[in-house]
Amino acid sequence: VMQERCVTTGGERHPVPEPFLVLATQNPMEMEGTYPLPEAQLD
């Protein structure tokens, strides 16, 4: 969604409102029960 700025479901495209900005947080210390972001997604 961050890249395409729309959601495709059931064969329909639903654009997200503009402007669309994502602020994500992550804790660098706790590793238990986490799934580090792959390089392509960090990008």
Full PDB file with SEQRES, HELIX, SHEET, SSBOND, CRYST1, ORIGX, SCALE, CONECT and MASTER records, all heavy atoms in Angstrom:
SEQRES   1 A   43  VAL MET GLN GLU ARG CYS VAL THR THR GLY GLY GLU ARG          
SEQRES   2 A   43  HIS PRO VAL PRO GLU PRO PHE LEU VAL LEU ALA THR GLN          
SEQRES   3 A   43  ASN PRO MET GLU MET GLU GLY THR TYR PRO LEU PRO GLU          
SEQRES   4 A   43  ALA GLN LEU ASP                                              
HELIX    1 AA1 GLU A   39  LEU A   42  1                                   4    
SHEET    1 AA1 2 CYS A   6  THR A   9  0                                        
SHEET    2 AA1 2 GLU A  12  PRO A  15 -1                                        
CRYST1    1.000    1.000    1.000  90.00  90.00  90.00 P 1           1          
ORIGX1      1.000000  0.000000  0.000000        0.00000                         
ORIGX2      0.000000  1.000000  0.000000        0.00000                         
ORIGX3      0.000000  0.000000  1.000000        0.00000                         
SCALE1      1.000000  0.000000  0.000000        0.00000                         
SCALE2      0.000000  1.000000  0.000000        0.00000                         
SCALE3      0.000000  0.000000  1.000000        0.00000                         
ATOM      1  N   VAL A   1       0.847  -1.209   0.000  1.00  0.00           N  
ATOM      2  CA  VAL A   1       0.000   0.000   0.000  1.00  0.00           C  
ATOM      3  C   VAL A   1       0.873   1.246   0.000  1.00  0.00           C  
ATOM      4  O   VAL A   1       0.574   2.241  -0.660  1.00  0.00           O  
ATOM      5  CB  VAL A   1      -0.927   0.023   1.238  1.00  0.00           C  
ATOM      6  CG1 VAL A   1      -1.859   1.213   1.175  1.00  0.00           C  
ATOM      7  CG2 VAL A   1      -1.735  -1.243   1.330  1.00  0.00           C  
ATOM      8  N   MET A   2       1.986   1.205   0.755  1.00  0.00           N  
ATOM      9  CA  MET A   2       2.888   2.353   0.803  1.00  0.00           C  
ATOM     10  C   MET A   2       3.426   2.688  -0.580  1.00  0.00           C  
ATOM     11  O   MET A   2       3.588   3.859  -0.933  1.00  0.00           O  
ATOM     12  CB  MET A   2       4.042   2.055   1.758  1.00  0.00           C  
ATOM     13  CG  MET A   2       3.657   2.051   3.217  1.00  0.00           C  
ATOM     14  SD  MET A   2       4.923   1.318   4.283  1.00  0.00           S  
ATOM     15  CE  MET A   2       6.355   2.277   3.887  1.00  0.00           C  
ATOM     16  N   GLN A   3       3.694   1.669  -1.378  1.00  0.00           N  
ATOM     17  CA  GLN A   3       4.262   1.881  -2.708  1.00  0.00           C  
ATOM     18  C   GLN A   3       3.182   2.232  -3.727  1.00  0.00           C  
ATOM     19  O   GLN A   3       3.327   3.177  -4.502  1.00  0.00           O  
ATOM     20  CB  GLN A   3       5.005   0.621  -3.151  1.00  0.00           C  
ATOM     21  CG  GLN A   3       5.697   0.739  -4.490  1.00  0.00           C  
ATOM     22  CD  GLN A   3       6.864   1.717  -4.461  1.00  0.00           C  
ATOM     23  OE1 GLN A   3       7.431   1.969  -3.404  1.00  0.00           O  
ATOM     24  NE2 GLN A   3       7.204   2.271  -5.597  1.00  0.00           N  
ATOM     25  N   GLU A   4       2.095   1.458  -3.736  1.00  0.00           N  
ATOM     26  CA  GLU A   4       1.063   1.611  -4.772  1.00  0.00           C  
ATOM     27  C   GLU A   4       0.022   2.675  -4.418  1.00  0.00           C  
ATOM     28  O   GLU A   4      -0.695   3.158  -5.288  1.00  0.00           O  
ATOM     29  CB  GLU A   4       0.349   0.272  -5.008  1.00  0.00           C  
ATOM     30  CG  GLU A   4       1.268  -0.901  -5.323  1.00  0.00           C  
ATOM     31  CD  GLU A   4       2.072  -0.700  -6.590  1.00  0.00           C  
ATOM     32  OE1 GLU A   4       1.590   0.036  -7.479  1.00  0.00           O  
ATOM     33  OE2 GLU A   4       3.182  -1.250  -6.667  1.00  0.00           O  
ATOM     34  N   ARG A   5      -0.096   2.974  -3.117  1.00  0.00           N  
ATOM     35  CA  ARG A   5      -1.085   3.950  -2.610  1.00  0.00           C  
ATOM     36  C   ARG A   5      -2.516   3.564  -2.984  1.00  0.00           C  
ATOM     37  O   ARG A   5      -3.349   4.414  -3.268  1.00  0.00           O  
ATOM     38  CB  ARG A   5      -0.747   5.364  -3.097  1.00  0.00           C  
ATOM     39  CG  ARG A   5       0.593   5.831  -2.556  1.00  0.00           C  
ATOM     40  CD  ARG A   5       0.921   7.243  -2.919  1.00  0.00           C  
ATOM     41  NE  ARG A   5       2.298   7.564  -2.556  1.00  0.00           N  
ATOM     42  CZ  ARG A   5       2.683   8.032  -1.374  1.00  0.00           C  
ATOM     43  NH1 ARG A   5       1.787   8.243  -0.436  1.00  0.00           N  
ATOM     44  NH2 ARG A   5       3.951   8.290  -1.113  1.00  0.00           N  
ATOM     45  N   CYS A   6      -2.762   2.272  -3.006  1.00  0.00           N  
ATOM     46  CA  CYS A   6      -4.126   1.777  -3.188  1.00  0.00           C  
ATOM     47  C   CYS A   6      -4.184   0.340  -2.685  1.00  0.00           C  
ATOM     48  O   CYS A   6      -3.158  -0.322  -2.530  1.00  0.00           O  
ATOM     49  CB  CYS A   6      -4.576   1.863  -4.646  1.00  0.00           C  
ATOM     50  SG  CYS A   6      -3.710   0.736  -5.726  1.00  0.00           S  
ATOM     51  N   VAL A   7      -5.424  -0.120  -2.418  1.00  0.00           N  
ATOM     52  CA  VAL A   7      -5.653  -1.493  -1.965  1.00  0.00           C  
ATOM     53  C   VAL A   7      -6.462  -2.195  -3.043  1.00  0.00           C  
ATOM     54  O   VAL A   7      -7.497  -1.673  -3.485  1.00  0.00           O  
ATOM     55  CB  VAL A   7      -6.421  -1.513  -0.628  1.00  0.00           C  
ATOM     56  CG1 VAL A   7      -6.776  -2.945  -0.234  1.00  0.00           C  
ATOM     57  CG2 VAL A   7      -5.601  -0.847   0.469  1.00  0.00           C  
ATOM     58  N   THR A   8      -5.985  -3.360  -3.487  1.00  0.00           N  
ATOM     59  CA  THR A   8      -6.731  -4.149  -4.464  1.00  0.00           C  
ATOM     60  C   THR A   8      -7.309  -5.366  -3.765  1.00  0.00           C  
ATOM     61  O   THR A   8      -6.580  -6.175  -3.199  1.00  0.00           O  
ATOM     62  CB  THR A   8      -5.819  -4.598  -5.617  1.00  0.00           C  
ATOM     63  OG1 THR A   8      -5.219  -3.447  -6.209  1.00  0.00           O  
ATOM     64  CG2 THR A   8      -6.624  -5.342  -6.677  1.00  0.00           C  
ATOM     65  N   THR A   9      -8.629  -5.464  -3.771  1.00  0.00           N  
ATOM     66  CA  THR A   9      -9.289  -6.595  -3.136  1.00  0.00           C  
ATOM     67  C   THR A   9     -10.569  -6.912  -3.888  1.00  0.00           C  
ATOM     68  O   THR A   9     -11.301  -6.002  -4.306  1.00  0.00           O  
ATOM     69  CB  THR A   9      -9.603  -6.298  -1.647  1.00  0.00           C  
ATOM     70  OG1 THR A   9     -10.294  -7.396  -1.067  1.00  0.00           O  
ATOM     71  CG2 THR A   9     -10.431  -5.041  -1.480  1.00  0.00           C  
ATOM     72  N   GLY A  10     -10.843  -8.191  -4.076  1.00  0.00           N  
ATOM     73  CA  GLY A  10     -12.040  -8.596  -4.803  1.00  0.00           C  
ATOM     74  C   GLY A  10     -12.095  -8.046  -6.209  1.00  0.00           C  
ATOM     75  O   GLY A  10     -13.171  -7.790  -6.753  1.00  0.00           O  
ATOM     76  N   GLY A  11     -10.928  -7.846  -6.831  1.00  0.00           N  
ATOM     77  CA  GLY A  11     -10.885  -7.315  -8.195  1.00  0.00           C  
ATOM     78  C   GLY A  11     -11.122  -5.823  -8.294  1.00  0.00           C  
ATOM     79  O   GLY A  11     -11.201  -5.270  -9.387  1.00  0.00           O  
ATOM     80  N   GLU A  12     -11.233  -5.131  -7.159  1.00  0.00           N  
ATOM     81  CA  GLU A  12     -11.471  -3.682  -7.162  1.00  0.00           C  
ATOM     82  C   GLU A  12     -10.276  -2.958  -6.567  1.00  0.00           C  
ATOM     83  O   GLU A  12      -9.646  -3.433  -5.625  1.00  0.00           O  
ATOM     84  CB  GLU A  12     -12.721  -3.340  -6.344  1.00  0.00           C  
ATOM     85  CG  GLU A  12     -14.013  -3.903  -6.901  1.00  0.00           C  
ATOM     86  CD  GLU A  12     -15.193  -3.582  -5.994  1.00  0.00           C  
ATOM     87  OE1 GLU A  12     -14.963  -3.050  -4.882  1.00  0.00           O  
ATOM     88  OE2 GLU A  12     -16.324  -3.873  -6.391  1.00  0.00           O  
ATOM     89  N   ARG A  13      -9.993  -1.772  -7.140  1.00  0.00           N  
ATOM     90  CA  ARG A  13      -8.926  -0.928  -6.600  1.00  0.00           C  
ATOM     91  C   ARG A  13      -9.536   0.173  -5.741  1.00  0.00           C  
ATOM     92  O   ARG A  13     -10.456   0.859  -6.164  1.00  0.00           O  
ATOM     93  CB  ARG A  13      -8.110  -0.299  -7.734  1.00  0.00           C  
ATOM     94  CG  ARG A  13      -7.145  -1.259  -8.394  1.00  0.00           C  
ATOM     95  CD  ARG A  13      -6.557  -0.658  -9.657  1.00  0.00           C  
ATOM     96  NE  ARG A  13      -5.791   0.564  -9.400  1.00  0.00           N  
ATOM     97  CZ  ARG A  13      -4.497   0.570  -9.102  1.00  0.00           C  
ATOM     98  NH1 ARG A  13      -3.837  -0.566  -9.029  1.00  0.00           N  
ATOM     99  NH2 ARG A  13      -3.851   1.695  -8.905  1.00  0.00           N  
ATOM    100  N   HIS A  14      -9.011   0.317  -4.548  1.00  0.00           N  
ATOM    101  CA  HIS A  14      -9.488   1.352  -3.632  1.00  0.00           C  
ATOM    102  C   HIS A  14      -8.312   2.269  -3.296  1.00  0.00           C  
ATOM    103  O   HIS A  14      -7.439   1.887  -2.506  1.00  0.00           O  
ATOM    104  CB  HIS A  14     -10.052   0.735  -2.347  1.00  0.00           C  
ATOM    105  CG  HIS A  14     -11.175  -0.221  -2.573  1.00  0.00           C  
ATOM    106  ND1 HIS A  14     -12.495   0.176  -2.660  1.00  0.00           N  
ATOM    107  CD2 HIS A  14     -11.176  -1.573  -2.753  1.00  0.00           C  
ATOM    108  CE1 HIS A  14     -13.262  -0.880  -2.864  1.00  0.00           C  
ATOM    109  NE2 HIS A  14     -12.478  -1.947  -2.929  1.00  0.00           N  
ATOM    110  N   PRO A  15      -8.245   3.464  -3.904  1.00  0.00           N  
ATOM    111  CA  PRO A  15      -7.118   4.360  -3.604  1.00  0.00           C  
ATOM    112  C   PRO A  15      -7.194   4.888  -2.174  1.00  0.00           C  
ATOM    113  O   PRO A  15      -8.288   5.167  -1.665  1.00  0.00           O  
ATOM    114  CB  PRO A  15      -7.270   5.494  -4.623  1.00  0.00           C  
ATOM    115  CG  PRO A  15      -8.693   5.434  -5.073  1.00  0.00           C  
ATOM    116  CD  PRO A  15      -9.161   4.029  -4.910  1.00  0.00           C  
ATOM    117  N   VAL A  16      -6.040   5.001  -1.522  1.00  0.00           N  
ATOM    118  CA  VAL A  16      -6.002   5.590  -0.183  1.00  0.00           C  
ATOM    119  C   VAL A  16      -6.066   7.110  -0.340  1.00  0.00           C  
ATOM    120  O   VAL A  16      -5.739   7.647  -1.402  1.00  0.00           O  
ATOM    121  CB  VAL A  16      -4.723   5.165   0.579  1.00  0.00           C  
ATOM    122  CG1 VAL A  16      -4.739   3.687   0.873  1.00  0.00           C  
ATOM    123  CG2 VAL A  16      -3.474   5.553  -0.180  1.00  0.00           C  
ATOM    124  N   PRO A  17      -6.496   7.829   0.692  1.00  0.00           N  
ATOM    125  CA  PRO A  17      -6.609   9.290   0.564  1.00  0.00           C  
ATOM    126  C   PRO A  17      -5.240   9.954   0.414  1.00  0.00           C  
ATOM    127  O   PRO A  17      -4.234   9.443   0.910  1.00  0.00           O  
ATOM    128  CB  PRO A  17      -7.286   9.703   1.881  1.00  0.00           C  
ATOM    129  CG  PRO A  17      -7.020   8.601   2.831  1.00  0.00           C  
ATOM    130  CD  PRO A  17      -6.935   7.359   2.020  1.00  0.00           C  
ATOM    131  N   GLU A  18      -5.220  11.056  -0.305  1.00  0.00           N  
ATOM    132  CA  GLU A  18      -3.980  11.830  -0.448  1.00  0.00           C  
ATOM    133  C   GLU A  18      -4.050  13.057   0.452  1.00  0.00           C  
ATOM    134  O   GLU A  18      -5.105  13.670   0.561  1.00  0.00           O  
ATOM    135  CB  GLU A  18      -3.797  12.262  -1.907  1.00  0.00           C  
ATOM    136  CG  GLU A  18      -3.509  11.106  -2.851  1.00  0.00           C  
ATOM    137  CD  GLU A  18      -2.113  10.519  -2.672  1.00  0.00           C  
ATOM    138  OE1 GLU A  18      -1.281  11.177  -2.025  1.00  0.00           O  
ATOM    139  OE2 GLU A  18      -1.877   9.401  -3.149  1.00  0.00           O  
ATOM    140  N   PRO A  19      -2.956  13.483   1.060  1.00  0.00           N  
ATOM    141  CA  PRO A  19      -1.663  12.797   1.084  1.00  0.00           C  
ATOM    142  C   PRO A  19      -1.719  11.538   1.951  1.00  0.00           C  
ATOM    143  O   PRO A  19      -2.518  11.457   2.882  1.00  0.00           O  
ATOM    144  CB  PRO A  19      -0.735  13.840   1.721  1.00  0.00           C  
ATOM    145  CG  PRO A  19      -1.627  14.663   2.586  1.00  0.00           C  
ATOM    146  CD  PRO A  19      -2.942  14.715   1.877  1.00  0.00           C  
ATOM    147  N   PHE A  20      -0.868  10.573   1.630  1.00  0.00           N  
ATOM    148  CA  PHE A  20      -0.803   9.335   2.400  1.00  0.00           C  
ATOM    149  C   PHE A  20       0.629   9.141   2.883  1.00  0.00           C  
ATOM    150  O   PHE A  20       1.556   9.022   2.084  1.00  0.00           O  
ATOM    151  CB  PHE A  20      -1.233   8.145   1.536  1.00  0.00           C  
ATOM    152  CG  PHE A  20      -1.114   6.817   2.244  1.00  0.00           C  
ATOM    153  CD1 PHE A  20      -1.902   6.523   3.344  1.00  0.00           C  
ATOM    154  CD2 PHE A  20      -0.203   5.860   1.807  1.00  0.00           C  
ATOM    155  CE1 PHE A  20      -1.786   5.293   4.003  1.00  0.00           C  
ATOM    156  CE2 PHE A  20      -0.081   4.634   2.448  1.00  0.00           C  
ATOM    157  CZ  PHE A  20      -0.883   4.359   3.550  1.00  0.00           C  
ATOM    158  N   LEU A  21       0.796   9.153   4.193  1.00  0.00           N  
ATOM    159  CA  LEU A  21       2.132   9.058   4.790  1.00  0.00           C  
ATOM    160  C   LEU A  21       2.113   8.021   5.901  1.00  0.00           C  
ATOM    161  O   LEU A  21       1.177   7.980   6.701  1.00  0.00           O  
ATOM    162  CB  LEU A  21       2.549  10.422   5.357  1.00  0.00           C  
ATOM    163  CG  LEU A  21       2.579  11.571   4.334  1.00  0.00           C  
ATOM    164  CD1 LEU A  21       2.457  12.910   5.028  1.00  0.00           C  
ATOM    165  CD2 LEU A  21       3.858  11.512   3.508  1.00  0.00           C  
ATOM    166  N   VAL A  22       3.134   7.192   5.925  1.00  0.00           N  
ATOM    167  CA  VAL A  22       3.254   6.161   6.952  1.00  0.00           C  
ATOM    168  C   VAL A  22       4.451   6.479   7.840  1.00  0.00           C  
ATOM    169  O   VAL A  22       5.553   6.728   7.336  1.00  0.00           O  
ATOM    170  CB  VAL A  22       3.425   4.757   6.324  1.00  0.00           C  
ATOM    171  CG1 VAL A  22       3.720   3.716   7.404  1.00  0.00           C  
ATOM    172  CG2 VAL A  22       2.170   4.368   5.553  1.00  0.00           C  
ATOM    173  N   LEU A  23       4.205   6.496   9.136  1.00  0.00           N  
ATOM    174  CA  LEU A  23       5.292   6.583  10.107  1.00  0.00           C  
ATOM    175  C   LEU A  23       5.269   5.303  10.919  1.00  0.00           C  
ATOM    176  O   LEU A  23       4.320   5.057  11.668  1.00  0.00           O  
ATOM    177  CB  LEU A  23       5.143   7.808  11.017  1.00  0.00           C  
ATOM    178  CG  LEU A  23       5.720   9.121  10.461  1.00  0.00           C  
ATOM    179  CD1 LEU A  23       4.769   9.713   9.439  1.00  0.00           C  
ATOM    180  CD2 LEU A  23       5.975  10.119  11.571  1.00  0.00           C  
ATOM    181  N   ALA A  24       6.278   4.487  10.736  1.00  0.00           N  
ATOM    182  CA  ALA A  24       6.351   3.195  11.426  1.00  0.00           C  
ATOM    183  C   ALA A  24       7.407   3.262  12.522  1.00  0.00           C  
ATOM    184  O   ALA A  24       8.416   3.963  12.382  1.00  0.00           O  
ATOM    185  CB  ALA A  24       6.698   2.086  10.438  1.00  0.00           C  
ATOM    186  N   THR A  25       7.159   2.564  13.615  1.00  0.00           N  
ATOM    187  CA  THR A  25       8.145   2.517  14.696  1.00  0.00           C  
ATOM    188  C   THR A  25       8.638   1.080  14.857  1.00  0.00           C  
ATOM    189  O   THR A  25       7.917   0.125  14.552  1.00  0.00           O  
ATOM    190  CB  THR A  25       7.553   2.994  16.038  1.00  0.00           C  
ATOM    191  OG1 THR A  25       6.628   2.003  16.534  1.00  0.00           O  
ATOM    192  CG2 THR A  25       6.823   4.321  15.883  1.00  0.00           C  
ATOM    193  N   GLN A  26       9.867   0.963  15.313  1.00  0.00           N  
ATOM    194  CA  GLN A  26      10.373  -0.365  15.663  1.00  0.00           C  
ATOM    195  C   GLN A  26      11.351  -0.242  16.823  1.00  0.00           C  
ATOM    196  O   GLN A  26      12.034   0.775  16.978  1.00  0.00           O  
ATOM    197  CB  GLN A  26      11.006  -1.067  14.471  1.00  0.00           C  
ATOM    198  CG  GLN A  26      12.317  -0.517  13.976  1.00  0.00           C  
ATOM    199  CD  GLN A  26      12.901  -1.399  12.874  1.00  0.00           C  
ATOM    200  OE1 GLN A  26      12.233  -2.250  12.302  1.00  0.00           O  
ATOM    201  NE2 GLN A  26      14.168  -1.190  12.563  1.00  0.00           N  
ATOM    202  N   ASN A  27      11.365  -1.289  17.644  1.00  0.00           N  
ATOM    203  CA  ASN A  27      12.231  -1.356  18.808  1.00  0.00           C  
ATOM    204  C   ASN A  27      13.483  -2.148  18.420  1.00  0.00           C  
ATOM    205  O   ASN A  27      13.383  -3.307  18.037  1.00  0.00           O  
ATOM    206  CB  ASN A  27      11.473  -2.047  19.953  1.00  0.00           C  
ATOM    207  CG  ASN A  27      12.337  -2.285  21.172  1.00  0.00           C  
ATOM    208  OD1 ASN A  27      13.478  -1.828  21.241  1.00  0.00           O  
ATOM    209  ND2 ASN A  27      11.800  -2.997  22.142  1.00  0.00           N  
ATOM    210  N   PRO A  28      14.684  -1.534  18.488  1.00  0.00           N  
ATOM    211  CA  PRO A  28      15.886  -2.238  18.034  1.00  0.00           C  
ATOM    212  C   PRO A  28      16.413  -3.265  19.022  1.00  0.00           C  
ATOM    213  O   PRO A  28      17.266  -4.069  18.687  1.00  0.00           O  
ATOM    214  CB  PRO A  28      16.903  -1.096  17.893  1.00  0.00           C  
ATOM    215  CG  PRO A  28      16.465  -0.096  18.916  1.00  0.00           C  
ATOM    216  CD  PRO A  28      14.971  -0.190  18.986  1.00  0.00           C  
ATOM    217  N   MET A  29      15.901  -3.240  20.261  1.00  0.00           N  
ATOM    218  CA  MET A  29      16.485  -4.078  21.305  1.00  0.00           C  
ATOM    219  C   MET A  29      15.814  -5.434  21.437  1.00  0.00           C  
ATOM    220  O   MET A  29      16.455  -6.461  21.567  1.00  0.00           O  
ATOM    221  CB  MET A  29      16.420  -3.356  22.656  1.00  0.00           C  
ATOM    222  CG  MET A  29      17.297  -2.105  22.701  1.00  0.00           C  
ATOM    223  SD  MET A  29      17.055  -1.200  24.207  1.00  0.00           S  
ATOM    224  CE  MET A  29      17.692  -2.368  25.401  1.00  0.00           C  
ATOM    225  N   GLU A  30      14.489  -5.439  21.398  1.00  0.00           N  
ATOM    226  CA  GLU A  30      13.754  -6.679  21.659  1.00  0.00           C  
ATOM    227  C   GLU A  30      13.704  -7.533  20.405  1.00  0.00           C  
ATOM    228  O   GLU A  30      13.113  -7.149  19.407  1.00  0.00           O  
ATOM    229  CB  GLU A  30      12.332  -6.330  22.108  1.00  0.00           C  
ATOM    230  CG  GLU A  30      12.023  -6.787  23.530  1.00  0.00           C  
ATOM    231  CD  GLU A  30      10.655  -6.292  23.962  1.00  0.00           C  
ATOM    232  OE1 GLU A  30       9.676  -6.952  23.603  1.00  0.00           O  
ATOM    233  OE2 GLU A  30      10.574  -5.266  24.624  1.00  0.00           O  
ATOM    234  N   MET A  31      14.298  -8.684  20.441  1.00  0.00           N  
ATOM    235  CA  MET A  31      14.330  -9.549  19.272  1.00  0.00           C  
ATOM    236  C   MET A  31      13.341 -10.708  19.378  1.00  0.00           C  
ATOM    237  O   MET A  31      13.016 -11.337  18.390  1.00  0.00           O  
ATOM    238  CB  MET A  31      15.743 -10.110  19.064  1.00  0.00           C  
ATOM    239  CG  MET A  31      16.742  -9.070  18.558  1.00  0.00           C  
ATOM    240  SD  MET A  31      16.349  -8.485  16.889  1.00  0.00           S  
ATOM    241  CE  MET A  31      15.678  -6.870  17.190  1.00  0.00           C  
ATOM    242  N   GLU A  32      12.868 -11.003  20.563  1.00  0.00           N  
ATOM    243  CA  GLU A  32      11.969 -12.140  20.746  1.00  0.00           C  
ATOM    244  C   GLU A  32      10.589 -11.813  20.170  1.00  0.00           C  
ATOM    245  O   GLU A  32      10.000 -10.784  20.484  1.00  0.00           O  
ATOM    246  CB  GLU A  32      11.842 -12.462  22.244  1.00  0.00           C  
ATOM    247  CG  GLU A  32      11.192 -13.825  22.507  1.00  0.00           C  
ATOM    248  CD  GLU A  32      11.204 -14.171  23.988  1.00  0.00           C  
ATOM    249  OE1 GLU A  32      12.052 -13.658  24.713  1.00  0.00           O  
ATOM    250  OE2 GLU A  32      10.335 -14.956  24.384  1.00  0.00           O  
ATOM    251  N   GLY A  33      10.082 -12.694  19.321  1.00  0.00           N  
ATOM    252  CA  GLY A  33       8.756 -12.479  18.750  1.00  0.00           C  
ATOM    253  C   GLY A  33       8.712 -11.367  17.713  1.00  0.00           C  
ATOM    254  O   GLY A  33       7.669 -10.779  17.477  1.00  0.00           O  
ATOM    255  N   THR A  34       9.857 -11.069  17.085  1.00  0.00           N  
ATOM    256  CA  THR A  34       9.864 -10.025  16.055  1.00  0.00           C  
ATOM    257  C   THR A  34      10.288 -10.609  14.713  1.00  0.00           C  
ATOM    258  O   THR A  34      10.914 -11.661  14.638  1.00  0.00           O  
ATOM    259  CB  THR A  34      10.826  -8.876  16.421  1.00  0.00           C  
ATOM    260  OG1 THR A  34      12.157  -9.396  16.502  1.00  0.00           O  
ATOM    261  CG2 THR A  34      10.445  -8.221  17.727  1.00  0.00           C  
ATOM    262  N   TYR A  35       9.913  -9.887  13.661  1.00  0.00           N  
ATOM    263  CA  TYR A  35      10.242 -10.291  12.294  1.00  0.00           C  
ATOM    264  C   TYR A  35      10.908  -9.090  11.620  1.00  0.00           C  
ATOM    265  O   TYR A  35      10.212  -8.203  11.119  1.00  0.00           O  
ATOM    266  CB  TYR A  35       8.975 -10.682  11.520  1.00  0.00           C  
ATOM    267  CG  TYR A  35       8.157 -11.773  12.178  1.00  0.00           C  
ATOM    268  CD1 TYR A  35       7.214 -11.475  13.160  1.00  0.00           C  
ATOM    269  CD2 TYR A  35       8.332 -13.115  11.823  1.00  0.00           C  
ATOM    270  CE1 TYR A  35       6.464 -12.471  13.770  1.00  0.00           C  
ATOM    271  CE2 TYR A  35       7.582 -14.117  12.428  1.00  0.00           C  
ATOM    272  CZ  TYR A  35       6.658 -13.778  13.400  1.00  0.00           C  
ATOM    273  OH  TYR A  35       5.912 -14.773  13.999  1.00  0.00           O  
ATOM    274  N   PRO A  36      12.239  -9.015  11.647  1.00  0.00           N  
ATOM    275  CA  PRO A  36      12.932  -7.850  11.063  1.00  0.00           C  
ATOM    276  C   PRO A  36      12.524  -7.632   9.614  1.00  0.00           C  
ATOM    277  O   PRO A  36      12.337  -8.579   8.852  1.00  0.00           O  
ATOM    278  CB  PRO A  36      14.415  -8.232  11.173  1.00  0.00           C  
ATOM    279  CG  PRO A  36      14.467  -9.238  12.288  1.00  0.00           C  
ATOM    280  CD  PRO A  36      13.171  -9.998  12.212  1.00  0.00           C  
ATOM    281  N   LEU A  37      12.391  -6.372   9.222  1.00  0.00           N  
ATOM    282  CA  LEU A  37      11.978  -6.047   7.862  1.00  0.00           C  
ATOM    283  C   LEU A  37      13.054  -6.463   6.863  1.00  0.00           C  
ATOM    284  O   LEU A  37      14.230  -6.158   7.068  1.00  0.00           O  
ATOM    285  CB  LEU A  37      11.737  -4.541   7.728  1.00  0.00           C  
ATOM    286  CG  LEU A  37      10.451  -3.997   8.337  1.00  0.00           C  
ATOM    287  CD1 LEU A  37      10.483  -2.479   8.340  1.00  0.00           C  
ATOM    288  CD2 LEU A  37       9.237  -4.476   7.557  1.00  0.00           C  
ATOM    289  N   PRO A  38      12.683  -7.161   5.780  1.00  0.00           N  
ATOM    290  CA  PRO A  38      13.665  -7.486   4.737  1.00  0.00           C  
ATOM    291  C   PRO A  38      14.196  -6.212   4.082  1.00  0.00           C  
ATOM    292  O   PRO A  38      13.548  -5.159   4.121  1.00  0.00           O  
ATOM    293  CB  PRO A  38      12.858  -8.317   3.732  1.00  0.00           C  
ATOM    294  CG  PRO A  38      11.643  -8.766   4.461  1.00  0.00           C  
ATOM    295  CD  PRO A  38      11.359  -7.709   5.480  1.00  0.00           C  
ATOM    296  N   GLU A  39      15.369  -6.330   3.455  1.00  0.00           N  
ATOM    297  CA  GLU A  39      16.028  -5.164   2.870  1.00  0.00           C  
ATOM    298  C   GLU A  39      15.146  -4.455   1.842  1.00  0.00           C  
ATOM    299  O   GLU A  39      15.062  -3.226   1.815  1.00  0.00           O  
ATOM    300  CB  GLU A  39      17.353  -5.594   2.201  1.00  0.00           C  
ATOM    301  CG  GLU A  39      18.427  -6.055   3.158  1.00  0.00           C  
ATOM    302  CD  GLU A  39      18.196  -7.469   3.692  1.00  0.00           C  
ATOM    303  OE1 GLU A  39      17.333  -8.189   3.135  1.00  0.00           O  
ATOM    304  OE2 GLU A  39      18.852  -7.851   4.678  1.00  0.00           O  
ATOM    305  N   ALA A  40      14.467  -5.235   1.000  1.00  0.00           N  
ATOM    306  CA  ALA A  40      13.634  -4.640  -0.049  1.00  0.00           C  
ATOM    307  C   ALA A  40      12.475  -3.842   0.537  1.00  0.00           C  
ATOM    308  O   ALA A  40      12.024  -2.861  -0.056  1.00  0.00           O  
ATOM    309  CB  ALA A  40      13.100  -5.726  -0.977  1.00  0.00           C  
ATOM    310  N   GLN A  41      12.008  -4.245   1.718  1.00  0.00           N  
ATOM    311  CA  GLN A  41      10.892  -3.539   2.336  1.00  0.00           C  
ATOM    312  C   GLN A  41      11.390  -2.324   3.126  1.00  0.00           C  
ATOM    313  O   GLN A  41      10.715  -1.295   3.181  1.00  0.00           O  
ATOM    314  CB  GLN A  41      10.095  -4.502   3.212  1.00  0.00           C  
ATOM    315  CG  GLN A  41       9.452  -5.604   2.389  1.00  0.00           C  
ATOM    316  CD  GLN A  41       8.567  -6.524   3.208  1.00  0.00           C  
ATOM    317  OE1 GLN A  41       8.527  -6.461   4.422  1.00  0.00           O  
ATOM    318  NE2 GLN A  41       7.854  -7.412   2.534  1.00  0.00           N  
ATOM    319  N   LEU A  42      12.568  -2.436   3.724  1.00  0.00           N  
ATOM    320  CA  LEU A  42      13.167  -1.264   4.373  1.00  0.00           C  
ATOM    321  C   LEU A  42      13.346  -0.132   3.367  1.00  0.00           C  
ATOM    322  O   LEU A  42      13.205   1.049   3.694  1.00  0.00           O  
ATOM    323  CB  LEU A  42      14.543  -1.630   4.949  1.00  0.00           C  
ATOM    324  CG  LEU A  42      14.593  -2.265   6.339  1.00  0.00           C  
ATOM    325  CD1 LEU A  42      16.010  -2.724   6.634  1.00  0.00           C  
ATOM    326  CD2 LEU A  42      14.120  -1.285   7.402  1.00  0.00           C  
ATOM    327  N   ASP A  43      13.649  -0.524   2.125  1.00  0.00           N  
ATOM    328  CA  ASP A  43      13.918   0.446   1.066  1.00  0.00           C  
ATOM    329  C   ASP A  43      12.708   1.321   0.749  1.00  0.00           C  
ATOM    330  O   ASP A  43      12.833   2.392   0.160  1.00  0.00           O  
ATOM    331  CB  ASP A  43      14.362  -0.320  -0.186  1.00  0.00           C  
ATOM    332  CG  ASP A  43      15.235   0.521  -1.095  1.00  0.00           C  
ATOM    333  OD1 ASP A  43      15.826   1.495  -0.606  1.00  0.00           O  
ATOM    334  OD2 ASP A  43      15.333   0.194  -2.289  1.00  0.00           O  
TER     335      ASP A  43                                                      
MASTER        0    0    0    1    2    0    0    6  334    1    0    4          
END                                                                             
